[in-house]
Amino acid sequence: MSNIINEPLDRKREAAAQLIAHGGIEKQEIAKQLDISRTTLWKWETSDDVFKARVDVLKREFESFGVPLIGSKFIEAVSGFWKLINKTDNDRVAADRYRYFIDRKLR
C-alpha cells in the first residue's frame, strides 16, 4: 500500500482527487470542470487503487488541518453567536436563537 500512496497521479486525476477529498462538489460538476466523463471519474473512484489511496490521504490531511483550526476558532464563534442572540430587540427571535443554542448543546 505504501508504494501506491507514493505513486504520482497525472494532473487531472490529482485535481479530481483534491476536489473529491475536499467535498461539497457534485461528482458531475467535478467531471465537467476537469473535462472528463462522469464514467471516467467513477472508474477512478472504484477501480484505480492509486487514485483511491490519494483521495484517502488527502481526506486525512484536510481533517488533520481542519479540526484543530475549527477548534481554535470555537470560543470566538460561540462568543459571536451569543452577541447576535443578545443584539435583537425581538423576543421571539432571541428565544429561537437561545433554543437553537440549547438544543445543539444537549445533543
PDB file of N, CA and C in Angstrom:
ATOM      1  N   MET A   1       0.815  -1.202   0.000  1.00  0.00           N
ATOM      2  CA  MET A   1       0.000   0.000   0.000  1.00  0.00           C
ATOM      3  C   MET A   1       0.855   1.262   0.000  1.00  0.00           C
ATOM      4  N   SER A   2       2.006   1.253   0.691  1.00  0.00           N
ATOM      5  CA  SER A   2       2.832   2.454   0.738  1.00  0.00           C
ATOM      6  C   SER A   2       3.340   2.842  -0.644  1.00  0.00           C
ATOM      7  N   ASN A   3       3.607   1.871  -1.523  1.00  0.00           N
ATOM      8  CA  ASN A   3       4.004   2.199  -2.889  1.00  0.00           C
ATOM      9  C   ASN A   3       2.873   2.895  -3.630  1.00  0.00           C
ATOM     10  N   ILE A   4       1.659   2.446  -3.385  1.00  0.00           N
ATOM     11  CA  ILE A   4       0.500   3.065  -4.031  1.00  0.00           C
ATOM     12  C   ILE A   4       0.371   4.510  -3.596  1.00  0.00           C
ATOM     13  N   ILE A   5       0.535   4.776  -2.313  1.00  0.00           N
ATOM     14  CA  ILE A   5       0.383   6.128  -1.792  1.00  0.00           C
ATOM     15  C   ILE A   5       1.417   7.071  -2.393  1.00  0.00           C
ATOM     16  N   ASN A   6       2.608   6.592  -2.653  1.00  0.00           N
ATOM     17  CA  ASN A   6       3.676   7.438  -3.177  1.00  0.00           C
ATOM     18  C   ASN A   6       3.665   7.576  -4.692  1.00  0.00           C
ATOM     19  N   GLU A   7       2.824   6.832  -5.357  1.00  0.00           N
ATOM     20  CA  GLU A   7       2.771   6.889  -6.811  1.00  0.00           C
ATOM     21  C   GLU A   7       2.079   8.177  -7.254  1.00  0.00           C
ATOM     22  N   PRO A   8       2.708   8.969  -8.121  1.00  0.00           N
ATOM     23  CA  PRO A   8       2.093  10.235  -8.536  1.00  0.00           C
ATOM     24  C   PRO A   8       0.923  10.012  -9.497  1.00  0.00           C
ATOM     25  N   LEU A   9      -0.009  10.956  -9.458  1.00  0.00           N
ATOM     26  CA  LEU A   9      -1.147  10.949 -10.375  1.00  0.00           C
ATOM     27  C   LEU A   9      -0.910  11.978 -11.469  1.00  0.00           C
ATOM     28  N   ASP A  10      -1.528  11.750 -12.627  1.00  0.00           N
ATOM     29  CA  ASP A  10      -1.468  12.784 -13.658  1.00  0.00           C
ATOM     30  C   ASP A  10      -2.295  13.982 -13.181  1.00  0.00           C
ATOM     31  N   ARG A  11      -2.182  15.080 -13.875  1.00  0.00           N
ATOM     32  CA  ARG A  11      -2.782  16.351 -13.461  1.00  0.00           C
ATOM     33  C   ARG A  11      -4.288  16.258 -13.218  1.00  0.00           C
ATOM     34  N   LYS A  12      -5.033  15.632 -14.125  1.00  0.00           N
ATOM     35  CA  LYS A  12      -6.489  15.559 -13.987  1.00  0.00           C
ATOM     36  C   LYS A  12      -6.902  14.643 -12.838  1.00  0.00           C
ATOM     37  N   ARG A  13      -6.215  13.529 -12.682  1.00  0.00           N
ATOM     38  CA  ARG A  13      -6.562  12.633 -11.569  1.00  0.00           C
ATOM     39  C   ARG A  13      -6.228  13.291 -10.234  1.00  0.00           C
ATOM     40  N   GLU A  14      -5.111  14.007 -10.168  1.00  0.00           N
ATOM     41  CA  GLU A  14      -4.759  14.722  -8.938  1.00  0.00           C
ATOM     42  C   GLU A  14      -5.811  15.785  -8.618  1.00  0.00           C
ATOM     43  N   ALA A  15      -6.212  16.541  -9.625  1.00  0.00           N
ATOM     44  CA  ALA A  15      -7.238  17.565  -9.407  1.00  0.00           C
ATOM     45  C   ALA A  15      -8.546  16.934  -8.950  1.00  0.00           C
ATOM     46  N   ALA A  16      -8.933  15.829  -9.566  1.00  0.00           N
ATOM     47  CA  ALA A  16     -10.158  15.132  -9.175  1.00  0.00           C
ATOM     48  C   ALA A  16     -10.048  14.627  -7.740  1.00  0.00           C
ATOM     49  N   ALA A  17      -8.917  14.071  -7.387  1.00  0.00           N
ATOM     50  CA  ALA A  17      -8.708  13.570  -6.026  1.00  0.00           C
ATOM     51  C   ALA A  17      -8.827  14.711  -5.012  1.00  0.00           C
ATOM     52  N   GLN A  18      -8.246  15.854  -5.333  1.00  0.00           N
ATOM     53  CA  GLN A  18      -8.320  17.021  -4.447  1.00  0.00           C
ATOM     54  C   GLN A  18      -9.772  17.470  -4.264  1.00  0.00           C
ATOM     55  N   LEU A  19     -10.513  17.555  -5.366  1.00  0.00           N
ATOM     56  CA  LEU A  19     -11.900  18.009  -5.292  1.00  0.00           C
ATOM     57  C   LEU A  19     -12.781  17.029  -4.533  1.00  0.00           C
ATOM     58  N   ILE A  20     -12.581  15.748  -4.753  1.00  0.00           N
ATOM     59  CA  ILE A  20     -13.372  14.741  -4.047  1.00  0.00           C
ATOM     60  C   ILE A  20     -13.048  14.771  -2.559  1.00  0.00           C
ATOM     61  N   ALA A  21     -11.774  14.842  -2.231  1.00  0.00           N
ATOM     62  CA  ALA A  21     -11.364  14.843  -0.828  1.00  0.00           C
ATOM     63  C   ALA A  21     -11.875  16.080  -0.096  1.00  0.00           C
ATOM     64  N   HIS A  22     -11.881  17.202  -0.783  1.00  0.00           N
ATOM     65  CA  HIS A  22     -12.354  18.435  -0.175  1.00  0.00           C
ATOM     66  C   HIS A  22     -13.846  18.363   0.108  1.00  0.00           C
ATOM     67  N   GLY A  23     -14.591  17.726  -0.788  1.00  0.00           N
ATOM     68  CA  GLY A  23     -16.032  17.560  -0.598  1.00  0.00           C
ATOM     69  C   GLY A  23     -16.820  18.784  -1.007  1.00  0.00           C
ATOM     70  N   GLY A  24     -18.133  18.610  -1.011  1.00  0.00           N
ATOM     71  CA  GLY A  24     -19.022  19.728  -1.290  1.00  0.00           C
ATOM     72  C   GLY A  24     -19.293  19.999  -2.753  1.00  0.00           C
ATOM     73  N   ILE A  25     -18.684  19.243  -3.647  1.00  0.00           N
ATOM     74  CA  ILE A  25     -18.910  19.441  -5.083  1.00  0.00           C
ATOM     75  C   ILE A  25     -19.465  18.138  -5.652  1.00  0.00           C
ATOM     76  N   GLU A  26     -20.535  18.263  -6.404  1.00  0.00           N
ATOM     77  CA  GLU A  26     -21.140  17.087  -7.032  1.00  0.00           C
ATOM     78  C   GLU A  26     -20.147  16.449  -8.001  1.00  0.00           C
ATOM     79  N   LYS A  27     -20.191  15.138  -8.093  1.00  0.00           N
ATOM     80  CA  LYS A  27     -19.284  14.404  -8.986  1.00  0.00           C
ATOM     81  C   LYS A  27     -19.453  14.846 -10.432  1.00  0.00           C
ATOM     82  N   GLN A  28     -20.685  15.107 -10.827  1.00  0.00           N
ATOM     83  CA  GLN A  28     -20.937  15.560 -12.197  1.00  0.00           C
ATOM     84  C   GLN A  28     -20.239  16.899 -12.465  1.00  0.00           C
ATOM     85  N   GLU A  29     -20.237  17.776 -11.471  1.00  0.00           N
ATOM     86  CA  GLU A  29     -19.582  19.073 -11.607  1.00  0.00           C
ATOM     87  C   GLU A  29     -18.063  18.905 -11.670  1.00  0.00           C
ATOM     88  N   ILE A  30     -17.518  17.993 -10.881  1.00  0.00           N
ATOM     89  CA  ILE A  30     -16.076  17.721 -10.935  1.00  0.00           C
ATOM     90  C   ILE A  30     -15.694  17.251 -12.335  1.00  0.00           C
ATOM     91  N   ALA A  31     -16.452  16.308 -12.863  1.00  0.00           N
ATOM     92  CA  ALA A  31     -16.182  15.793 -14.213  1.00  0.00           C
ATOM     93  C   ALA A  31     -16.248  16.923 -15.238  1.00  0.00           C
ATOM     94  N   LYS A  32     -17.240  17.782 -15.110  1.00  0.00           N
ATOM     95  CA  LYS A  32     -17.392  18.898 -16.048  1.00  0.00           C
ATOM     96  C   LYS A  32     -16.204  19.854 -15.961  1.00  0.00           C
ATOM     97  N   GLN A  33     -15.806  20.198 -14.732  1.00  0.00           N
ATOM     98  CA  GLN A  33     -14.688  21.126 -14.540  1.00  0.00           C
ATOM     99  C   GLN A  33     -13.389  20.577 -15.122  1.00  0.00           C
ATOM    100  N   LEU A  34     -13.219  19.261 -15.030  1.00  0.00           N
ATOM    101  CA  LEU A  34     -11.976  18.646 -15.496  1.00  0.00           C
ATOM    102  C   LEU A  34     -12.060  18.153 -16.933  1.00  0.00           C
ATOM    103  N   ASP A  35     -13.222  18.348 -17.550  1.00  0.00           N
ATOM    104  CA  ASP A  35     -13.442  17.933 -18.940  1.00  0.00           C
ATOM    105  C   ASP A  35     -13.198  16.433 -19.113  1.00  0.00           C
ATOM    106  N   ILE A  36     -13.804  15.661 -18.198  1.00  0.00           N
ATOM    107  CA  ILE A  36     -13.779  14.206 -18.286  1.00  0.00           C
ATOM    108  C   ILE A  36     -15.212  13.713 -18.161  1.00  0.00           C
ATOM    109  N   SER A  37     -15.447  12.480 -18.505  1.00  0.00           N
ATOM    110  CA  SER A  37     -16.794  11.948 -18.356  1.00  0.00           C
ATOM    111  C   SER A  37     -17.031  11.537 -16.913  1.00  0.00           C
ATOM    112  N   ARG A  38     -18.285  11.510 -16.538  1.00  0.00           N
ATOM    113  CA  ARG A  38     -18.646  11.035 -15.191  1.00  0.00           C
ATOM    114  C   ARG A  38     -18.241   9.567 -15.042  1.00  0.00           C
ATOM    115  N   THR A  39     -18.308   8.816 -16.133  1.00  0.00           N
ATOM    116  CA  THR A  39     -17.902   7.405 -16.124  1.00  0.00           C
ATOM    117  C   THR A  39     -16.419   7.270 -15.808  1.00  0.00           C
ATOM    118  N   THR A  40     -15.603   8.124 -16.392  1.00  0.00           N
ATOM    119  CA  THR A  40     -14.158   8.099 -16.115  1.00  0.00           C
ATOM    120  C   THR A  40     -13.904   8.353 -14.637  1.00  0.00           C
ATOM    121  N   LEU A  41     -14.575   9.362 -14.094  1.00  0.00           N
ATOM    122  CA  LEU A  41     -14.405   9.670 -12.679  1.00  0.00           C
ATOM    123  C   LEU A  41     -14.844   8.485 -11.819  1.00  0.00           C
ATOM    124  N   TRP A  42     -15.951   7.873 -12.164  1.00  0.00           N
ATOM    125  CA  TRP A  42     -16.454   6.711 -11.434  1.00  0.00           C
ATOM    126  C   TRP A  42     -15.435   5.565 -11.478  1.00  0.00           C
ATOM    127  N   LYS A  43     -14.837   5.330 -12.651  1.00  0.00           N
ATOM    128  CA  LYS A  43     -13.820   4.269 -12.774  1.00  0.00           C
ATOM    129  C   LYS A  43     -12.621   4.559 -11.886  1.00  0.00           C
ATOM    130  N   TRP A  44     -12.183   5.803 -11.858  1.00  0.00           N
ATOM    131  CA  TRP A  44     -11.070   6.152 -10.986  1.00  0.00           C
ATOM    132  C   TRP A  44     -11.428   5.867  -9.529  1.00  0.00           C
ATOM    133  N   GLU A  45     -12.642   6.242  -9.138  1.00  0.00           N
ATOM    134  CA  GLU A  45     -13.072   6.069  -7.744  1.00  0.00           C
ATOM    135  C   GLU A  45     -13.236   4.606  -7.348  1.00  0.00           C
ATOM    136  N   THR A  46     -13.603   3.769  -8.292  1.00  0.00           N
ATOM    137  CA  THR A  46     -13.916   2.376  -7.951  1.00  0.00           C
ATOM    138  C   THR A  46     -12.822   1.385  -8.312  1.00  0.00           C
ATOM    139  N   SER A  47     -12.010   1.700  -9.325  1.00  0.00           N
ATOM    140  CA  SER A  47     -11.059   0.706  -9.835  1.00  0.00           C
ATOM    141  C   SER A  47      -9.597   1.121  -9.773  1.00  0.00           C
ATOM    142  N   ASP A  48      -9.328   2.374  -9.549  1.00  0.00           N
ATOM    143  CA  ASP A  48      -7.948   2.878  -9.566  1.00  0.00           C
ATOM    144  C   ASP A  48      -7.420   2.961  -8.129  1.00  0.00           C
ATOM    145  N   ASP A  49      -6.640   1.967  -7.728  1.00  0.00           N
ATOM    146  CA  ASP A  49      -6.142   1.910  -6.348  1.00  0.00           C
ATOM    147  C   ASP A  49      -5.260   3.099  -5.986  1.00  0.00           C
ATOM    148  N   VAL A  50      -4.487   3.578  -6.937  1.00  0.00           N
ATOM    149  CA  VAL A  50      -3.627   4.741  -6.683  1.00  0.00           C
ATOM    150  C   VAL A  50      -4.486   5.973  -6.427  1.00  0.00           C
ATOM    151  N   PHE A  51      -5.518   6.153  -7.239  1.00  0.00           N
ATOM    152  CA  PHE A  51      -6.440   7.281  -7.078  1.00  0.00           C
ATOM    153  C   PHE A  51      -7.148   7.201  -5.722  1.00  0.00           C
ATOM    154  N   LYS A  52      -7.676   6.036  -5.384  1.00  0.00           N
ATOM    155  CA  LYS A  52      -8.392   5.859  -4.121  1.00  0.00           C
ATOM    156  C   LYS A  52      -7.471   6.138  -2.931  1.00  0.00           C
ATOM    157  N   ALA A  53      -6.224   5.673  -3.020  1.00  0.00           N
ATOM    158  CA  ALA A  53      -5.269   5.913  -1.938  1.00  0.00           C
ATOM    159  C   ALA A  53      -4.984   7.406  -1.791  1.00  0.00           C
ATOM    160  N   ARG A  54      -4.866   8.107  -2.916  1.00  0.00           N
ATOM    161  CA  ARG A  54      -4.603   9.553  -2.881  1.00  0.00           C
ATOM    162  C   ARG A  54      -5.767  10.302  -2.249  1.00  0.00           C
ATOM    163  N   VAL A  55      -6.986   9.929  -2.610  1.00  0.00           N
ATOM    164  CA  VAL A  55      -8.163  10.566  -2.017  1.00  0.00           C
ATOM    165  C   VAL A  55      -8.155  10.352  -0.503  1.00  0.00           C
ATOM    166  N   ASP A  56      -7.848   9.142  -0.068  1.00  0.00           N
ATOM    167  CA  ASP A  56      -7.806   8.847   1.366  1.00  0.00           C
ATOM    168  C   ASP A  56      -6.760   9.693   2.083  1.00  0.00           C
ATOM    169  N   VAL A  57      -5.577   9.798   1.498  1.00  0.00           N
ATOM    170  CA  VAL A  57      -4.507  10.607   2.094  1.00  0.00           C
ATOM    171  C   VAL A  57      -4.951  12.070   2.194  1.00  0.00           C
ATOM    172  N   LEU A  58      -5.531  12.588   1.119  1.00  0.00           N
ATOM    173  CA  LEU A  58      -5.969  13.983   1.113  1.00  0.00           C
ATOM    174  C   LEU A  58      -7.062  14.236   2.144  1.00  0.00           C
ATOM    175  N   LYS A  59      -7.997  13.304   2.276  1.00  0.00           N
ATOM    176  CA  LYS A  59      -9.055  13.460   3.284  1.00  0.00           C
ATOM    177  C   LYS A  59      -8.462  13.528   4.683  1.00  0.00           C
ATOM    178  N   ARG A  60      -7.502  12.656   4.959  1.00  0.00           N
ATOM    179  CA  ARG A  60      -6.854  12.675   6.275  1.00  0.00           C
ATOM    180  C   ARG A  60      -6.092  13.991   6.488  1.00  0.00           C
ATOM    181  N   GLU A  61      -5.437  14.486   5.443  1.00  0.00           N
ATOM    182  CA  GLU A  61      -4.711  15.751   5.560  1.00  0.00           C
ATOM    183  C   GLU A  61      -5.666  16.907   5.827  1.00  0.00           C
ATOM    184  N   PHE A  62      -6.771  16.955   5.072  1.00  0.00           N
ATOM    185  CA  PHE A  62      -7.756  18.021   5.285  1.00  0.00           C
ATOM    186  C   PHE A  62      -8.314  17.957   6.702  1.00  0.00           C
ATOM    187  N   GLU A  63      -8.599  16.747   7.167  1.00  0.00           N
ATOM    188  CA  GLU A  63      -9.152  16.580   8.508  1.00  0.00           C
ATOM    189  C   GLU A  63      -8.136  16.986   9.570  1.00  0.00           C
ATOM    190  N   SER A  64      -6.893  16.562   9.409  1.00  0.00           N
ATOM    191  CA  SER A  64      -5.885  16.884  10.423  1.00  0.00           C
ATOM    192  C   SER A  64      -5.582  18.380  10.448  1.00  0.00           C
ATOM    193  N   PHE A  65      -5.800  19.069   9.346  1.00  0.00           N
ATOM    194  CA  PHE A  65      -5.621  20.515   9.311  1.00  0.00           C
ATOM    195  C   PHE A  65      -6.873  21.231   9.807  1.00  0.00           C
ATOM    196  N   GLY A  66      -8.036  20.765   9.370  1.00  0.00           N
ATOM    197  CA  GLY A  66      -9.289  21.465   9.648  1.00  0.00           C
ATOM    198  C   GLY A  66      -9.773  21.366  11.069  1.00  0.00           C
ATOM    199  N   VAL A  67      -9.664  20.206  11.684  1.00  0.00           N
ATOM    200  CA  VAL A  67     -10.196  20.019  13.031  1.00  0.00           C
ATOM    201  C   VAL A  67      -9.517  20.963  14.033  1.00  0.00           C
ATOM    202  N   PRO A  68      -8.192  21.032  14.074  1.00  0.00           N
ATOM    203  CA  PRO A  68      -7.570  21.984  15.009  1.00  0.00           C
ATOM    204  C   PRO A  68      -7.915  23.445  14.690  1.00  0.00           C
ATOM    205  N   LEU A  69      -8.028  23.768  13.404  1.00  0.00           N
ATOM    206  CA  LEU A  69      -8.368  25.133  13.019  1.00  0.00           C
ATOM    207  C   LEU A  69      -9.759  25.501  13.530  1.00  0.00           C
ATOM    208  N   ILE A  70     -10.711  24.608  13.323  1.00  0.00           N
ATOM    209  CA  ILE A  70     -12.065  24.856  13.810  1.00  0.00           C
ATOM    210  C   ILE A  70     -12.066  24.946  15.331  1.00  0.00           C
ATOM    211  N   GLY A  71     -11.343  24.036  15.969  1.00  0.00           N
ATOM    212  CA  GLY A  71     -11.258  24.059  17.426  1.00  0.00           C
ATOM    213  C   GLY A  71     -10.686  25.365  17.951  1.00  0.00           C
ATOM    214  N   SER A  72      -9.716  25.909  17.239  1.00  0.00           N
ATOM    215  CA  SER A  72      -9.089  27.151  17.695  1.00  0.00           C
ATOM    216  C   SER A  72     -10.030  28.347  17.554  1.00  0.00           C
ATOM    217  N   LYS A  73     -11.030  28.244  16.712  1.00  0.00           N
ATOM    218  CA  LYS A  73     -11.987  29.335  16.486  1.00  0.00           C
ATOM    219  C   LYS A  73     -13.301  29.134  17.233  1.00  0.00           C
ATOM    220  N   PHE A  74     -13.436  28.011  17.960  1.00  0.00           N
ATOM    221  CA  PHE A  74     -14.707  27.662  18.565  1.00  0.00           C
ATOM    222  C   PHE A  74     -15.183  28.701  19.581  1.00  0.00           C
ATOM    223  N   ILE A  75     -14.302  29.110  20.482  1.00  0.00           N
ATOM    224  CA  ILE A  75     -14.696  30.074  21.517  1.00  0.00           C
ATOM    225  C   ILE A  75     -15.114  31.388  20.872  1.00  0.00           C
ATOM    226  N   GLU A  76     -14.376  31.809  19.874  1.00  0.00           N
ATOM    227  CA  GLU A  76     -14.706  33.041  19.145  1.00  0.00           C
ATOM    228  C   GLU A  76     -16.072  32.914  18.472  1.00  0.00           C
ATOM    229  N   ALA A  77     -16.344  31.748  17.884  1.00  0.00           N
ATOM    230  CA  ALA A  77     -17.624  31.530  17.198  1.00  0.00           C
ATOM    231  C   ALA A  77     -18.785  31.553  18.185  1.00  0.00           C
ATOM    232  N   VAL A  78     -18.624  30.885  19.314  1.00  0.00           N
ATOM    233  CA  VAL A  78     -19.694  30.868  20.324  1.00  0.00           C
ATOM    234  C   VAL A  78     -19.924  32.274  20.855  1.00  0.00           C
ATOM    235  N   SER A  79     -18.847  32.991  21.099  1.00  0.00           N
ATOM    236  CA  SER A  79     -18.960  34.363  21.594  1.00  0.00           C
ATOM    237  C   SER A  79     -19.697  35.245  20.586  1.00  0.00           C
ATOM    238  N   GLY A  80     -19.356  35.104  19.313  1.00  0.00           N
ATOM    239  CA  GLY A  80     -20.031  35.877  18.269  1.00  0.00           C
ATOM    240  C   GLY A  80     -21.498  35.530  18.158  1.00  0.00           C
ATOM    241  N   PHE A  81     -21.808  34.243  18.255  1.00  0.00           N
ATOM    242  CA  PHE A  81     -23.198  33.802  18.198  1.00  0.00           C
ATOM    243  C   PHE A  81     -23.966  34.367  19.388  1.00  0.00           C
ATOM    244  N   TRP A  82     -23.365  34.340  20.569  1.00  0.00           N
ATOM    245  CA  TRP A  82     -24.004  34.847  21.773  1.00  0.00           C
ATOM    246  C   TRP A  82     -24.293  36.344  21.632  1.00  0.00           C
ATOM    247  N   LYS A  83     -23.367  37.076  21.046  1.00  0.00           N
ATOM    248  CA  LYS A  83     -23.589  38.514  20.823  1.00  0.00           C
ATOM    249  C   LYS A  83     -24.763  38.737  19.879  1.00  0.00           C
ATOM    250  N   LEU A  84     -24.870  37.908  18.842  1.00  0.00           N
ATOM    251  CA  LEU A  84     -26.001  38.023  17.919  1.00  0.00           C
ATOM    252  C   LEU A  84     -27.324  37.758  18.622  1.00  0.00           C
ATOM    253  N   ILE A  85     -27.321  36.758  19.487  1.00  0.00           N
ATOM    254  CA  ILE A  85     -28.541  36.460  20.240  1.00  0.00           C
ATOM    255  C   ILE A  85     -28.989  37.685  21.028  1.00  0.00           C
ATOM    256  N   ASN A  86     -28.047  38.323  21.659  1.00  0.00           N
ATOM    257  CA  ASN A  86     -28.383  39.438  22.549  1.00  0.00           C
ATOM    258  C   ASN A  86     -28.581  40.768  21.827  1.00  0.00           C
ATOM    259  N   LYS A  87     -28.297  40.834  20.531  1.00  0.00           N
ATOM    260  CA  LYS A  87     -28.439  42.071  19.768  1.00  0.00           C
ATOM    261  C   LYS A  87     -29.890  42.371  19.388  1.00  0.00           C
ATOM    262  N   THR A  88     -30.688  41.355  19.269  1.00  0.00           N
ATOM    263  CA  THR A  88     -32.042  41.547  18.768  1.00  0.00           C
ATOM    264  C   THR A  88     -32.963  42.166  19.823  1.00  0.00           C
ATOM    265  N   ASP A  89     -33.893  42.969  19.338  1.00  0.00           N
ATOM    266  CA  ASP A  89     -34.926  43.532  20.212  1.00  0.00           C
ATOM    267  C   ASP A  89     -36.192  42.691  20.168  1.00  0.00           C
ATOM    268  N   ASN A  90     -36.188  41.672  19.316  1.00  0.00           N
ATOM    269  CA  ASN A  90     -37.358  40.824  19.133  1.00  0.00           C
ATOM    270  C   ASN A  90     -37.242  39.604  20.053  1.00  0.00           C
ATOM    271  N   ASP A  91     -38.133  39.506  21.013  1.00  0.00           N
ATOM    272  CA  ASP A  91     -38.077  38.407  21.981  1.00  0.00           C
ATOM    273  C   ASP A  91     -38.228  37.039  21.318  1.00  0.00           C
ATOM    274  N   ARG A  92     -39.064  36.950  20.310  1.00  0.00           N
ATOM    275  CA  ARG A  92     -39.274  35.665  19.621  1.00  0.00           C
ATOM    276  C   ARG A  92     -37.988  35.220  18.919  1.00  0.00           C
ATOM    277  N   VAL A  93     -37.323  36.150  18.238  1.00  0.00           N
ATOM    278  CA  VAL A  93     -36.065  35.833  17.568  1.00  0.00           C
ATOM    279  C   VAL A  93     -35.022  35.407  18.596  1.00  0.00           C
ATOM    280  N   ALA A  94     -34.921  36.131  19.694  1.00  0.00           N
ATOM    281  CA  ALA A  94     -33.968  35.777  20.752  1.00  0.00           C
ATOM    282  C   ALA A  94     -34.282  34.395  21.306  1.00  0.00           C
ATOM    283  N   ALA A  95     -35.561  34.117  21.562  1.00  0.00           N
ATOM    284  CA  ALA A  95     -35.949  32.806  22.099  1.00  0.00           C
ATOM    285  C   ALA A  95     -35.576  31.695  21.124  1.00  0.00           C
ATOM    286  N   ASP A  96     -35.820  31.922  19.834  1.00  0.00           N
ATOM    287  CA  ASP A  96     -35.459  30.917  18.828  1.00  0.00           C
ATOM    288  C   ASP A  96     -33.957  30.677  18.816  1.00  0.00           C
ATOM    289  N   ARG A  97     -33.192  31.726  18.928  1.00  0.00           N
ATOM    290  CA  ARG A  97     -31.732  31.594  18.932  1.00  0.00           C
ATOM    291  C   ARG A  97     -31.244  30.875  20.191  1.00  0.00           C
ATOM    292  N   TYR A  98     -31.812  31.228  21.335  1.00  0.00           N
ATOM    293  CA  TYR A  98     -31.454  30.529  22.577  1.00  0.00           C
ATOM    294  C   TYR A  98     -31.827  29.052  22.486  1.00  0.00           C
ATOM    295  N   ARG A  99     -33.013  28.776  21.966  1.00  0.00           N
ATOM    296  CA  ARG A  99     -33.470  27.392  21.822  1.00  0.00           C
ATOM    297  C   ARG A  99     -32.510  26.613  20.927  1.00  0.00           C
ATOM    298  N   TYR A 100     -32.114  27.218  19.825  1.00  0.00           N
ATOM    299  CA  TYR A 100     -31.162  26.574  18.921  1.00  0.00           C
ATOM    300  C   TYR A 100     -29.860  26.253  19.661  1.00  0.00           C
ATOM    301  N   PHE A 101     -29.353  27.237  20.384  1.00  0.00           N
ATOM    302  CA  PHE A 101     -28.100  27.065  21.119  1.00  0.00           C
ATOM    303  C   PHE A 101     -28.226  25.937  22.139  1.00  0.00           C
ATOM    304  N   ILE A 102     -29.300  25.943  22.891  1.00  0.00           N
ATOM    305  CA  ILE A 102     -29.509  24.912  23.916  1.00  0.00           C
ATOM    306  C   ILE A 102     -29.674  23.536  23.268  1.00  0.00           C
ATOM    307  N   ASP A 103     -30.464  23.453  22.200  1.00  0.00           N
ATOM    308  CA  ASP A 103     -30.662  22.171  21.507  1.00  0.00           C
ATOM    309  C   ASP A 103     -29.342  21.603  20.994  1.00  0.00           C
ATOM    310  N   ARG A 104     -28.512  22.433  20.432  1.00  0.00           N
ATOM    311  CA  ARG A 104     -27.215  21.988  19.921  1.00  0.00           C
ATOM    312  C   ARG A 104     -26.329  21.478  21.049  1.00  0.00           C
ATOM    313  N   LYS A 105     -26.386  22.147  22.176  1.00  0.00           N
ATOM    314  CA  LYS A 105     -25.551  21.765  23.315  1.00  0.00           C
ATOM    315  C   LYS A 105     -26.008  20.441  23.926  1.00  0.00           C
ATOM    316  N   LEU A 106     -27.302  20.184  23.906  1.00  0.00           N
ATOM    317  CA  LEU A 106     -27.847  18.988  24.544  1.00  0.00           C
ATOM    318  C   LEU A 106     -27.746  17.737  23.677  1.00  0.00           C
ATOM    319  N   ARG A 107     -27.369  17.863  22.437  1.00  0.00           N
ATOM    320  CA  ARG A 107     -27.261  16.697  21.556  1.00  0.00           C
ATOM    321  C   ARG A 107     -26.082  15.867  21.881  1.00  0.00           C
TER     322      ARG A 107
END
